[in-house]
Amino acid sequence: METNASDHDLIEVMKRYFAVKAEVEEVKSRLETARRSNGEEIAAFYDPRTNPDHAADIIRSHALKQEMVRLMNWAEAWGRQSLTPSEA
């Protein structure tokens, strides 16, 4: 199977997606460990305005999740444009 520049772009996007996903999981794990050890409710703990100790991680988690959505949207658009009418 031959690949072109567009295929390579998709590969790079998906590599980035899975790297971001791994970082989200690591941040989430760290936050959940802290939340449980503090015995805090989910809503209160994950509000960066009321949790200054973990606000940077909470905000980072949200930004990473937004990046995952953006990357997946790009991949989906790539998939739609690569389909020919007979494949749709």
PDB file of N, CA and C in Angstrom:
ATOM      1  N   MET A   1       0.838  -1.179   0.000  1.00  0.00           N
ATOM      2  CA  MET A   1       0.000   0.000   0.000  1.00  0.00           C
ATOM      3  C   MET A   1       0.886   1.247   0.000  1.00  0.00           C
ATOM      4  N   GLU A   2       0.623   2.124  -0.911  1.00  0.00           N
ATOM      5  CA  GLU A   2       1.368   3.380  -0.977  1.00  0.00           C
ATOM      6  C   GLU A   2       0.756   4.412  -0.045  1.00  0.00           C
ATOM      7  N   THR A   3       1.611   5.254   0.484  1.00  0.00           N
ATOM      8  CA  THR A   3       1.116   6.352   1.314  1.00  0.00           C
ATOM      9  C   THR A   3       1.564   7.663   0.697  1.00  0.00           C
ATOM     10  N   ASN A   4       0.761   8.678   0.916  1.00  0.00           N
ATOM     11  CA  ASN A   4       1.106  10.005   0.411  1.00  0.00           C
ATOM     12  C   ASN A   4       1.281  10.962   1.590  1.00  0.00           C
ATOM     13  N   ALA A   5       1.503  12.217   1.278  1.00  0.00           N
ATOM     14  CA  ALA A   5       1.737  13.219   2.330  1.00  0.00           C
ATOM     15  C   ALA A   5       0.536  13.333   3.258  1.00  0.00           C
ATOM     16  N   SER A   6      -0.664  13.239   2.703  1.00  0.00           N
ATOM     17  CA  SER A   6      -1.872  13.326   3.515  1.00  0.00           C
ATOM     18  C   SER A   6      -1.952  12.151   4.491  1.00  0.00           C
ATOM     19  N   ASP A   7      -1.565  10.965   4.026  1.00  0.00           N
ATOM     20  CA  ASP A   7      -1.553   9.797   4.904  1.00  0.00           C
ATOM     21  C   ASP A   7      -0.561   9.988   6.046  1.00  0.00           C
ATOM     22  N   HIS A   8       0.589  10.549   5.725  1.00  0.00           N
ATOM     23  CA  HIS A   8       1.601  10.803   6.755  1.00  0.00           C
ATOM     24  C   HIS A   8       1.096  11.839   7.764  1.00  0.00           C
ATOM     25  N   ASP A   9       0.354  12.832   7.273  1.00  0.00           N
ATOM     26  CA  ASP A   9      -0.243  13.814   8.185  1.00  0.00           C
ATOM     27  C   ASP A   9      -1.192  13.129   9.160  1.00  0.00           C
ATOM     28  N   LEU A  10      -2.012  12.231   8.636  1.00  0.00           N
ATOM     29  CA  LEU A  10      -2.948  11.500   9.503  1.00  0.00           C
ATOM     30  C   LEU A  10      -2.192  10.683  10.541  1.00  0.00           C
ATOM     31  N   ILE A  11      -1.129  10.037  10.134  1.00  0.00           N
ATOM     32  CA  ILE A  11      -0.331   9.247  11.078  1.00  0.00           C
ATOM     33  C   ILE A  11       0.211  10.135  12.186  1.00  0.00           C
ATOM     34  N   GLU A  12       0.710  11.300  11.838  1.00  0.00           N
ATOM     35  CA  GLU A  12       1.242  12.223  12.842  1.00  0.00           C
ATOM     36  C   GLU A  12       0.141  12.730  13.773  1.00  0.00           C
ATOM     37  N   VAL A  13      -1.031  13.011  13.207  1.00  0.00           N
ATOM     38  CA  VAL A  13      -2.160  13.460  14.031  1.00  0.00           C
ATOM     39  C   VAL A  13      -2.550  12.367  15.017  1.00  0.00           C
ATOM     40  N   MET A  14      -2.601  11.132  14.548  1.00  0.00           N
ATOM     41  CA  MET A  14      -3.004  10.040  15.435  1.00  0.00           C
ATOM     42  C   MET A  14      -1.926   9.758  16.494  1.00  0.00           C
ATOM     43  N   LYS A  15      -0.661   9.899  16.124  1.00  0.00           N
ATOM     44  CA  LYS A  15       0.398   9.762  17.137  1.00  0.00           C
ATOM     45  C   LYS A  15       0.215  10.812  18.229  1.00  0.00           C
ATOM     46  N   ARG A  16      -0.069  12.042  17.811  1.00  0.00           N
ATOM     47  CA  ARG A  16      -0.273  13.128  18.769  1.00  0.00           C
ATOM     48  C   ARG A  16      -1.509  12.839  19.626  1.00  0.00           C
ATOM     49  N   TYR A  17      -2.580  12.362  18.995  1.00  0.00           N
ATOM     50  CA  TYR A  17      -3.811  12.043  19.709  1.00  0.00           C
ATOM     51  C   TYR A  17      -3.524  11.050  20.841  1.00  0.00           C
ATOM     52  N   PHE A  18      -2.812   9.972  20.522  1.00  0.00           N
ATOM     53  CA  PHE A  18      -2.562   8.955  21.547  1.00  0.00           C
ATOM     54  C   PHE A  18      -1.566   9.437  22.602  1.00  0.00           C
ATOM     55  N   ALA A  19      -0.654  10.317  22.240  1.00  0.00           N
ATOM     56  CA  ALA A  19       0.241  10.906  23.238  1.00  0.00           C
ATOM     57  C   ALA A  19      -0.554  11.795  24.199  1.00  0.00           C
ATOM     58  N   VAL A  20      -1.458  12.595  23.638  1.00  0.00           N
ATOM     59  CA  VAL A  20      -2.297  13.464  24.467  1.00  0.00           C
ATOM     60  C   VAL A  20      -3.210  12.620  25.353  1.00  0.00           C
ATOM     61  N   LYS A  21      -3.775  11.562  24.787  1.00  0.00           N
ATOM     62  CA  LYS A  21      -4.649  10.674  25.557  1.00  0.00           C
ATOM     63  C   LYS A  21      -3.903  10.077  26.750  1.00  0.00           C
ATOM     64  N   ALA A  22      -2.662   9.661  26.532  1.00  0.00           N
ATOM     65  CA  ALA A  22      -1.859   9.105  27.627  1.00  0.00           C
ATOM     66  C   ALA A  22      -1.601  10.165  28.697  1.00  0.00           C
ATOM     67  N   GLU A  23      -1.353  11.399  28.273  1.00  0.00           N
ATOM     68  CA  GLU A  23      -1.123  12.471  29.246  1.00  0.00           C
ATOM     69  C   GLU A  23      -2.400  12.765  30.036  1.00  0.00           C
ATOM     70  N   VAL A  24      -3.548  12.755  29.360  1.00  0.00           N
ATOM     71  CA  VAL A  24      -4.825  12.968  30.046  1.00  0.00           C
ATOM     72  C   VAL A  24      -5.019  11.902  31.116  1.00  0.00           C
ATOM     73  N   GLU A  25      -4.748  10.662  30.770  1.00  0.00           N
ATOM     74  CA  GLU A  25      -4.918   9.574  31.722  1.00  0.00           C
ATOM     75  C   GLU A  25      -3.988   9.721  32.921  1.00  0.00           C
ATOM     76  N   GLU A  26      -2.764  10.186  32.667  1.00  0.00           N
ATOM     77  CA  GLU A  26      -1.803  10.375  33.754  1.00  0.00           C
ATOM     78  C   GLU A  26      -2.256  11.507  34.677  1.00  0.00           C
ATOM     79  N   VAL A  27      -2.702  12.619  34.098  1.00  0.00           N
ATOM     80  CA  VAL A  27      -3.174  13.752  34.895  1.00  0.00           C
ATOM     81  C   VAL A  27      -4.429  13.350  35.677  1.00  0.00           C
ATOM     82  N   LYS A  28      -5.343  12.648  35.018  1.00  0.00           N
ATOM     83  CA  LYS A  28      -6.570  12.208  35.685  1.00  0.00           C
ATOM     84  C   LYS A  28      -6.258  11.280  36.854  1.00  0.00           C
ATOM     85  N   SER A  29      -5.324  10.381  36.653  1.00  0.00           N
ATOM     86  CA  SER A  29      -4.942   9.462  37.723  1.00  0.00           C
ATOM     87  C   SER A  29      -4.370  10.227  38.914  1.00  0.00           C
ATOM     88  N   ARG A  30      -3.512  11.189  38.627  1.00  0.00           N
ATOM     89  CA  ARG A  30      -2.908  12.006  39.687  1.00  0.00           C
ATOM     90  C   ARG A  30      -3.988  12.793  40.435  1.00  0.00           C
ATOM     91  N   LEU A  31      -4.927  13.379  39.686  1.00  0.00           N
ATOM     92  CA  LEU A  31      -5.994  14.151  40.317  1.00  0.00           C
ATOM     93  C   LEU A  31      -6.915  13.262  41.154  1.00  0.00           C
ATOM     94  N   GLU A  32      -7.264  12.104  40.605  1.00  0.00           N
ATOM     95  CA  GLU A  32      -8.150  11.200  41.348  1.00  0.00           C
ATOM     96  C   GLU A  32      -7.494  10.697  42.626  1.00  0.00           C
ATOM     97  N   THR A  33      -6.213  10.425  42.582  1.00  0.00           N
ATOM     98  CA  THR A  33      -5.494  10.007  43.784  1.00  0.00           C
ATOM     99  C   THR A  33      -5.562  11.107  44.840  1.00  0.00           C
ATOM    100  N   ALA A  34      -5.330  12.341  44.422  1.00  0.00           N
ATOM    101  CA  ALA A  34      -5.388  13.467  45.355  1.00  0.00           C
ATOM    102  C   ALA A  34      -6.808  13.664  45.881  1.00  0.00           C
ATOM    103  N   ARG A  35      -7.797  13.560  45.015  1.00  0.00           N
ATOM    104  CA  ARG A  35      -9.192  13.748  45.436  1.00  0.00           C
ATOM    105  C   ARG A  35      -9.599  12.708  46.473  1.00  0.00           C
ATOM    106  N   ARG A  36      -9.256  11.478  46.187  1.00  0.00           N
ATOM    107  CA  ARG A  36      -9.630  10.405  47.118  1.00  0.00           C
ATOM    108  C   ARG A  36      -8.904  10.529  48.452  1.00  0.00           C
ATOM    109  N   SER A  37      -7.625  10.902  48.390  1.00  0.00           N
ATOM    110  CA  SER A  37      -6.878  11.028  49.644  1.00  0.00           C
ATOM    111  C   SER A  37      -7.398  12.188  50.486  1.00  0.00           C
ATOM    112  N   ASN A  38      -7.968  13.206  49.821  1.00  0.00           N
ATOM    113  CA  ASN A  38      -8.553  14.338  50.548  1.00  0.00           C
ATOM    114  C   ASN A  38     -10.005  14.081  50.925  1.00  0.00           C
ATOM    115  N   GLY A  39     -10.608  13.031  50.358  1.00  0.00           N
ATOM    116  CA  GLY A  39     -12.001  12.712  50.651  1.00  0.00           C
ATOM    117  C   GLY A  39     -12.976  13.748  50.130  1.00  0.00           C
ATOM    118  N   GLU A  40     -12.638  14.403  49.039  1.00  0.00           N
ATOM    119  CA  GLU A  40     -13.479  15.476  48.506  1.00  0.00           C
ATOM    120  C   GLU A  40     -14.469  14.955  47.476  1.00  0.00           C
ATOM    121  N   GLU A  41     -15.582  15.671  47.368  1.00  0.00           N
ATOM    122  CA  GLU A  41     -16.584  15.381  46.346  1.00  0.00           C
ATOM    123  C   GLU A  41     -16.034  15.771  44.974  1.00  0.00           C
ATOM    124  N   ILE A  42     -16.490  15.074  43.955  1.00  0.00           N
ATOM    125  CA  ILE A  42     -15.988  15.289  42.597  1.00  0.00           C
ATOM    126  C   ILE A  42     -16.191  16.734  42.148  1.00  0.00           C
ATOM    127  N   ALA A  43     -17.411  17.248  42.277  1.00  0.00           N
ATOM    128  CA  ALA A  43     -17.725  18.593  41.772  1.00  0.00           C
ATOM    129  C   ALA A  43     -16.858  19.663  42.433  1.00  0.00           C
ATOM    130  N   ALA A  44     -16.695  19.565  43.716  1.00  0.00           N
ATOM    131  CA  ALA A  44     -15.896  20.567  44.431  1.00  0.00           C
ATOM    132  C   ALA A  44     -14.418  20.454  44.078  1.00  0.00           C
ATOM    133  N   PHE A  45     -13.928  19.232  43.999  1.00  0.00           N
ATOM    134  CA  PHE A  45     -12.501  19.033  43.742  1.00  0.00           C
ATOM    135  C   PHE A  45     -12.103  19.515  42.342  1.00  0.00           C
ATOM    136  N   TYR A  46     -12.943  19.224  41.352  1.00  0.00           N
ATOM    137  CA  TYR A  46     -12.581  19.528  39.965  1.00  0.00           C
ATOM    138  C   TYR A  46     -12.924  20.946  39.525  1.00  0.00           C
ATOM    139  N   ASP A  47     -13.284  21.806  40.444  1.00  0.00           N
ATOM    140  CA  ASP A  47     -13.519  23.215  40.130  1.00  0.00           C
ATOM    141  C   ASP A  47     -12.219  23.973  40.416  1.00  0.00           C
ATOM    142  N   PRO A  48     -11.513  24.418  39.362  1.00  0.00           N
ATOM    143  CA  PRO A  48     -10.229  25.081  39.592  1.00  0.00           C
ATOM    144  C   PRO A  48     -10.347  26.382  40.387  1.00  0.00           C
ATOM    145  N   ARG A  49     -11.541  26.970  40.420  1.00  0.00           N
ATOM    146  CA  ARG A  49     -11.717  28.210  41.185  1.00  0.00           C
ATOM    147  C   ARG A  49     -11.711  27.954  42.681  1.00  0.00           C
ATOM    148  N   THR A  50     -12.105  26.734  43.079  1.00  0.00           N
ATOM    149  CA  THR A  50     -12.176  26.425  44.510  1.00  0.00           C
ATOM    150  C   THR A  50     -11.081  25.454  44.946  1.00  0.00           C
ATOM    151  N   ASN A  51     -10.236  25.046  43.997  1.00  0.00           N
ATOM    152  CA  ASN A  51      -9.167  24.100  44.310  1.00  0.00           C
ATOM    153  C   ASN A  51      -7.835  24.614  43.741  1.00  0.00           C
ATOM    154  N   PRO A  52      -7.295  25.641  44.362  1.00  0.00           N
ATOM    155  CA  PRO A  52      -6.063  26.236  43.828  1.00  0.00           C
ATOM    156  C   PRO A  52      -4.859  25.295  43.844  1.00  0.00           C
ATOM    157  N   ASP A  53      -4.857  24.321  44.745  1.00  0.00           N
ATOM    158  CA  ASP A  53      -3.727  23.390  44.821  1.00  0.00           C
ATOM    159  C   ASP A  53      -3.612  22.528  43.570  1.00  0.00           C
ATOM    160  N   HIS A  54      -4.733  22.257  42.926  1.00  0.00           N
ATOM    161  CA  HIS A  54      -4.737  21.369  41.759  1.00  0.00           C
ATOM    162  C   HIS A  54      -5.277  22.061  40.504  1.00  0.00           C
ATOM    163  N   ALA A  55      -5.454  23.361  40.581  1.00  0.00           N
ATOM    164  CA  ALA A  55      -6.044  24.109  39.461  1.00  0.00           C
ATOM    165  C   ALA A  55      -5.248  23.931  38.164  1.00  0.00           C
ATOM    166  N   ALA A  56      -3.932  23.946  38.246  1.00  0.00           N
ATOM    167  CA  ALA A  56      -3.122  23.822  37.024  1.00  0.00           C
ATOM    168  C   ALA A  56      -3.370  22.484  36.336  1.00  0.00           C
ATOM    169  N   ASP A  57      -3.441  21.407  37.106  1.00  0.00           N
ATOM    170  CA  ASP A  57      -3.712  20.091  36.516  1.00  0.00           C
ATOM    171  C   ASP A  57      -5.136  20.003  35.972  1.00  0.00           C
ATOM    172  N   ILE A  58      -6.076  20.592  36.667  1.00  0.00           N
ATOM    173  CA  ILE A  58      -7.479  20.566  36.207  1.00  0.00           C
ATOM    174  C   ILE A  58      -7.595  21.312  34.886  1.00  0.00           C
ATOM    175  N   ILE A  59      -7.009  22.476  34.813  1.00  0.00           N
ATOM    176  CA  ILE A  59      -7.046  23.275  33.587  1.00  0.00           C
ATOM    177  C   ILE A  59      -6.295  22.557  32.467  1.00  0.00           C
ATOM    178  N   ARG A  60      -5.162  21.963  32.783  1.00  0.00           N
ATOM    179  CA  ARG A  60      -4.387  21.214  31.790  1.00  0.00           C
ATOM    180  C   ARG A  60      -5.207  20.040  31.245  1.00  0.00           C
ATOM    181  N   SER A  61      -5.909  19.359  32.125  1.00  0.00           N
ATOM    182  CA  SER A  61      -6.739  18.231  31.711  1.00  0.00           C
ATOM    183  C   SER A  61      -7.811  18.678  30.714  1.00  0.00           C
ATOM    184  N   HIS A  62      -8.455  19.801  31.007  1.00  0.00           N
ATOM    185  CA  HIS A  62      -9.476  20.325  30.099  1.00  0.00           C
ATOM    186  C   HIS A  62      -8.867  20.695  28.749  1.00  0.00           C
ATOM    187  N   ALA A  63      -7.716  21.343  28.768  1.00  0.00           N
ATOM    188  CA  ALA A  63      -7.056  21.742  27.519  1.00  0.00           C
ATOM    189  C   ALA A  63      -6.654  20.523  26.692  1.00  0.00           C
ATOM    190  N   LEU A  64      -6.152  19.504  27.354  1.00  0.00           N
ATOM    191  CA  LEU A  64      -5.765  18.281  26.644  1.00  0.00           C
ATOM    192  C   LEU A  64      -6.976  17.592  26.025  1.00  0.00           C
ATOM    193  N   LYS A  65      -8.077  17.558  26.757  1.00  0.00           N
ATOM    194  CA  LYS A  65      -9.294  16.945  26.214  1.00  0.00           C
ATOM    195  C   LYS A  65      -9.797  17.719  25.000  1.00  0.00           C
ATOM    196  N   GLN A  66      -9.693  19.031  25.040  1.00  0.00           N
ATOM    197  CA  GLN A  66     -10.079  19.844  23.879  1.00  0.00           C
ATOM    198  C   GLN A  66      -9.159  19.551  22.695  1.00  0.00           C
ATOM    199  N   GLU A  67      -7.879  19.364  22.961  1.00  0.00           N
ATOM    200  CA  GLU A  67      -6.954  19.019  21.892  1.00  0.00           C
ATOM    201  C   GLU A  67      -7.295  17.662  21.289  1.00  0.00           C
ATOM    202  N   MET A  68      -7.677  16.706  22.128  1.00  0.00           N
ATOM    203  CA  MET A  68      -8.074  15.393  21.615  1.00  0.00           C
ATOM    204  C   MET A  68      -9.278  15.521  20.674  1.00  0.00           C
ATOM    205  N   VAL A  69     -10.238  16.341  21.038  1.00  0.00           N
ATOM    206  CA  VAL A  69     -11.410  16.547  20.186  1.00  0.00           C
ATOM    207  C   VAL A  69     -10.980  17.170  18.859  1.00  0.00           C
ATOM    208  N   ARG A  70     -10.129  18.173  18.932  1.00  0.00           N
ATOM    209  CA  ARG A  70      -9.657  18.839  17.713  1.00  0.00           C
ATOM    210  C   ARG A  70      -8.921  17.861  16.802  1.00  0.00           C
ATOM    211  N   LEU A  71      -8.057  17.054  17.378  1.00  0.00           N
ATOM    212  CA  LEU A  71      -7.305  16.076  16.585  1.00  0.00           C
ATOM    213  C   LEU A  71      -8.224  15.032  15.960  1.00  0.00           C
ATOM    214  N   MET A  72      -9.200  14.561  16.728  1.00  0.00           N
ATOM    215  CA  MET A  72     -10.124  13.565  16.187  1.00  0.00           C
ATOM    216  C   MET A  72     -11.004  14.173  15.108  1.00  0.00           C
ATOM    217  N   ASN A  73     -11.409  15.415  15.280  1.00  0.00           N
ATOM    218  CA  ASN A  73     -12.178  16.086  14.231  1.00  0.00           C
ATOM    219  C   ASN A  73     -11.374  16.169  12.944  1.00  0.00           C
ATOM    220  N   TRP A  74     -10.076  16.470  13.061  1.00  0.00           N
ATOM    221  CA  TRP A  74      -9.212  16.523  11.884  1.00  0.00           C
ATOM    222  C   TRP A  74      -9.149  15.146  11.229  1.00  0.00           C
ATOM    223  N   ALA A  75      -8.977  14.104  12.022  1.00  0.00           N
ATOM    224  CA  ALA A  75      -8.899  12.745  11.482  1.00  0.00           C
ATOM    225  C   ALA A  75     -10.210  12.341  10.806  1.00  0.00           C
ATOM    226  N   GLU A  76     -11.333  12.710  11.412  1.00  0.00           N
ATOM    227  CA  GLU A  76     -12.625  12.397  10.802  1.00  0.00           C
ATOM    228  C   GLU A  76     -12.803  13.132   9.482  1.00  0.00           C
ATOM    229  N   ALA A  77     -12.398  14.386   9.433  1.00  0.00           N
ATOM    230  CA  ALA A  77     -12.483  15.153   8.187  1.00  0.00           C
ATOM    231  C   ALA A  77     -11.591  14.521   7.127  1.00  0.00           C
ATOM    232  N   TRP A  78     -10.412  14.084   7.527  1.00  0.00           N
ATOM    233  CA  TRP A  78      -9.509  13.397   6.592  1.00  0.00           C
ATOM    234  C   TRP A  78     -10.191  12.148   6.045  1.00  0.00           C
ATOM    235  N   GLY A  79     -10.824  11.387   6.904  1.00  0.00           N
ATOM    236  CA  GLY A  79     -11.510  10.169   6.485  1.00  0.00           C
ATOM    237  C   GLY A  79     -12.648  10.453   5.523  1.00  0.00           C
ATOM    238  N   ARG A  80     -13.415  11.510   5.791  1.00  0.00           N
ATOM    239  CA  ARG A  80     -14.527  11.850   4.903  1.00  0.00           C
ATOM    240  C   ARG A  80     -14.030  12.264   3.529  1.00  0.00           C
ATOM    241  N   GLN A  81     -12.953  13.001   3.470  1.00  0.00           N
ATOM    242  CA  GLN A  81     -12.468  13.465   2.169  1.00  0.00           C
ATOM    243  C   GLN A  81     -11.772  12.352   1.392  1.00  0.00           C
ATOM    244  N   SER A  82     -11.290  11.325   2.085  1.00  0.00           N
ATOM    245  CA  SER A  82     -10.596  10.248   1.385  1.00  0.00           C
ATOM    246  C   SER A  82     -11.563   9.218   0.821  1.00  0.00           C
ATOM    247  N   LEU A  83     -12.835   9.250   1.244  1.00  0.00           N
ATOM    248  CA  LEU A  83     -13.814   8.309   0.717  1.00  0.00           C
ATOM    249  C   LEU A  83     -14.238   8.730  -0.684  1.00  0.00           C
ATOM    250  N   THR A  84     -14.299   7.797  -1.564  1.00  0.00           N
ATOM    251  CA  THR A  84     -14.833   8.073  -2.885  1.00  0.00           C
ATOM    252  C   THR A  84     -16.335   7.832  -2.852  1.00  0.00           C
ATOM    253  N   PRO A  85     -17.088   8.396  -3.796  1.00  0.00           N
ATOM    254  CA  PRO A  85     -18.553   8.202  -3.764  1.00  0.00           C
ATOM    255  C   PRO A  85     -18.951   6.728  -3.740  1.00  0.00           C
ATOM    256  N   SER A  86     -18.207   5.847  -4.362  1.00  0.00           N
ATOM    257  CA  SER A  86     -18.578   4.439  -4.386  1.00  0.00           C
ATOM    258  C   SER A  86     -18.344   3.768  -3.034  1.00  0.00           C
ATOM    259  N   GLU A  87     -17.488   4.349  -2.179  1.00  0.00           N
ATOM    260  CA  GLU A  87     -17.203   3.768  -0.865  1.00  0.00           C
ATOM    261  C   GLU A  87     -18.143   4.294   0.201  1.00  0.00           C
ATOM    262  N   ALA A  88     -18.780   5.422  -0.056  1.00  0.00           N
ATOM    263  CA  ALA A  88     -19.628   6.066   0.963  1.00  0.00           C
ATOM    264  C   ALA A  88     -20.901   5.305   1.203  1.00  0.00           C
TER     265      ALA A  88
END
